[in-house]
Amino acid sequence: MVKLRLKRCGRKQRAVYRIVAIDGRSPREGKDLCKMGFYDPINSQTYLNIPAILYFLEKGAQPTGTLFDIFKRAGFFYKFRKKFN
């Protein structure tokens, strides 16, 4: 199963996360299928590649709990609620 997950990058004490599609059995730092944005928790910045995320969600990919909360905060499901109802 494909999962939408956060992949840690950055340096010590200054984490930045990439939003990636990855096989659910692979480790957090494993090879990703597609990079779809980033999340910076320190500066509260988020960049989402909406078409890529929609593509993987329509194919059955499952976002992790943390990523689901990031999507909700960004208003992602509100903008595309007709696709998910």
C-alpha atoms as a PDB file:
ATOM      1  CA  MET A   1       0.000   0.000   0.000  1.00  0.00           C
ATOM      2  CA  VAL A   2       1.247   3.468  -0.844  1.00  0.00           C
ATOM      3  CA  LYS A   3       1.347   5.972   1.997  1.00  0.00           C
ATOM      4  CA  LEU A   4       1.736   9.734   2.028  1.00  0.00           C
ATOM      5  CA  ARG A   5       4.319  10.377   4.689  1.00  0.00           C
ATOM      6  CA  LEU A   6       6.772  12.940   6.070  1.00  0.00           C
ATOM      7  CA  LYS A   7      10.450  12.295   5.334  1.00  0.00           C
ATOM      8  CA  ARG A   8      12.911  14.070   7.627  1.00  0.00           C
ATOM      9  CA  CYS A   9      15.705  16.183   6.188  1.00  0.00           C
ATOM     10  CA  GLY A  10      17.624  19.220   7.368  1.00  0.00           C
ATOM     11  CA  ARG A  11      20.279  19.373  10.033  1.00  0.00           C
ATOM     12  CA  LYS A  12      20.394  18.697  13.765  1.00  0.00           C
ATOM     13  CA  GLN A  13      17.867  20.685  15.806  1.00  0.00           C
ATOM     14  CA  ARG A  14      16.485  22.176  12.549  1.00  0.00           C
ATOM     15  CA  ALA A  15      14.258  19.558  10.986  1.00  0.00           C
ATOM     16  CA  VAL A  16      12.427  20.134   7.722  1.00  0.00           C
ATOM     17  CA  TYR A  17      10.151  17.459   6.316  1.00  0.00           C
ATOM     18  CA  ARG A  18       9.421  16.478   2.734  1.00  0.00           C
ATOM     19  CA  ILE A  19       5.955  15.237   1.895  1.00  0.00           C
ATOM     20  CA  VAL A  20       6.431  12.058  -0.135  1.00  0.00           C
ATOM     21  CA  ALA A  21       4.541   9.069  -1.503  1.00  0.00           C
ATOM     22  CA  ILE A  22       6.295   5.920  -0.338  1.00  0.00           C
ATOM     23  CA  ASP A  23       5.622   2.209  -0.044  1.00  0.00           C
ATOM     24  CA  GLY A  24       4.110   1.562   3.395  1.00  0.00           C
ATOM     25  CA  ARG A  25       6.606  -1.206   4.221  1.00  0.00           C
ATOM     26  CA  SER A  26       9.730   0.879   3.617  1.00  0.00           C
ATOM     27  CA  PRO A  27      11.485   2.864   6.366  1.00  0.00           C
ATOM     28  CA  ARG A  28      11.023   6.592   6.905  1.00  0.00           C
ATOM     29  CA  GLU A  29      14.204   7.462   5.019  1.00  0.00           C
ATOM     30  CA  GLY A  30      13.592   4.892   2.257  1.00  0.00           C
ATOM     31  CA  LYS A  31      13.248   5.518  -1.457  1.00  0.00           C
ATOM     32  CA  ASP A  32      10.211   7.620  -2.262  1.00  0.00           C
ATOM     33  CA  LEU A  33       7.958   7.341  -5.305  1.00  0.00           C
ATOM     34  CA  CYS A  34       7.256  11.058  -5.637  1.00  0.00           C
ATOM     35  CA  LYS A  35       8.085  14.262  -3.757  1.00  0.00           C
ATOM     36  CA  MET A  36       4.948  16.339  -3.227  1.00  0.00           C
ATOM     37  CA  GLY A  37       5.956  19.273  -1.068  1.00  0.00           C
ATOM     38  CA  PHE A  38       7.582  20.189   2.214  1.00  0.00           C
ATOM     39  CA  TYR A  39       6.671  21.165   5.760  1.00  0.00           C
ATOM     40  CA  ASP A  40       8.782  23.415   7.994  1.00  0.00           C
ATOM     41  CA  PRO A  41       7.444  23.183  11.570  1.00  0.00           C
ATOM     42  CA  ILE A  42       9.731  25.926  12.923  1.00  0.00           C
ATOM     43  CA  ASN A  43       8.608  28.632  10.472  1.00  0.00           C
ATOM     44  CA  SER A  44       5.136  27.075   9.977  1.00  0.00           C
ATOM     45  CA  GLN A  45       5.602  26.964   6.208  1.00  0.00           C
ATOM     46  CA  THR A  46       3.920  24.367   4.042  1.00  0.00           C
ATOM     47  CA  TYR A  47       4.161  23.819   0.294  1.00  0.00           C
ATOM     48  CA  LEU A  48       1.793  21.298  -1.283  1.00  0.00           C
ATOM     49  CA  ASN A  49       1.849  20.029  -4.862  1.00  0.00           C
ATOM     50  CA  ILE A  50      -1.940  19.678  -5.075  1.00  0.00           C
ATOM     51  CA  PRO A  51      -2.192  17.775  -8.418  1.00  0.00           C
ATOM     52  CA  ALA A  52       0.313  15.141  -7.283  1.00  0.00           C
ATOM     53  CA  ILE A  53      -1.397  14.709  -3.902  1.00  0.00           C
ATOM     54  CA  LEU A  54      -4.819  14.371  -5.542  1.00  0.00           C
ATOM     55  CA  TYR A  55      -3.430  11.819  -7.993  1.00  0.00           C
ATOM     56  CA  PHE A  56      -2.128   9.560  -5.217  1.00  0.00           C
ATOM     57  CA  LEU A  57      -5.225   9.993  -3.029  1.00  0.00           C
ATOM     58  CA  GLU A  58      -7.458   9.002  -5.951  1.00  0.00           C
ATOM     59  CA  LYS A  59      -5.297   5.914  -6.505  1.00  0.00           C
ATOM     60  CA  GLY A  60      -5.865   4.847  -2.872  1.00  0.00           C
ATOM     61  CA  ALA A  61      -2.831   6.205  -1.016  1.00  0.00           C
ATOM     62  CA  GLN A  62      -3.361   6.736   2.714  1.00  0.00           C
ATOM     63  CA  PRO A  63      -1.941   9.832   4.469  1.00  0.00           C
ATOM     64  CA  THR A  64      -0.441   9.343   7.913  1.00  0.00           C
ATOM     65  CA  GLY A  65      -2.109  10.986  10.904  1.00  0.00           C
ATOM     66  CA  THR A  66       0.335  13.887  11.069  1.00  0.00           C
ATOM     67  CA  LEU A  67       0.049  14.561   7.365  1.00  0.00           C
ATOM     68  CA  PHE A  68      -3.748  14.408   7.573  1.00  0.00           C
ATOM     69  CA  ASP A  69      -3.612  17.151  10.242  1.00  0.00           C
ATOM     70  CA  ILE A  70      -1.301  19.260   8.040  1.00  0.00           C
ATOM     71  CA  PHE A  71      -3.738  18.888   5.140  1.00  0.00           C
ATOM     72  CA  LYS A  72      -6.641  19.925   7.381  1.00  0.00           C
ATOM     73  CA  ARG A  73      -4.750  22.994   8.635  1.00  0.00           C
ATOM     74  CA  ALA A  74      -3.960  23.998   5.060  1.00  0.00           C
ATOM     75  CA  GLY A  75      -7.644  23.710   4.120  1.00  0.00           C
ATOM     76  CA  PHE A  76      -6.900  20.964   1.599  1.00  0.00           C
ATOM     77  CA  PHE A  77     -10.015  18.871   2.269  1.00  0.00           C
ATOM     78  CA  TYR A  78     -12.240  21.948   2.423  1.00  0.00           C
ATOM     79  CA  LYS A  79     -11.145  23.065  -1.056  1.00  0.00           C
ATOM     80  CA  PHE A  80     -11.632  19.613  -2.565  1.00  0.00           C
ATOM     81  CA  ARG A  81     -14.527  18.329  -0.437  1.00  0.00           C
ATOM     82  CA  LYS A  82     -16.576  17.292  -3.494  1.00  0.00           C
ATOM     83  CA  LYS A  83     -13.876  14.778  -4.450  1.00  0.00           C
ATOM     84  CA  PHE A  84     -13.832  13.209  -0.962  1.00  0.00           C
ATOM     85  CA  ASN A  85     -17.586  13.008  -0.244  1.00  0.00           C
END
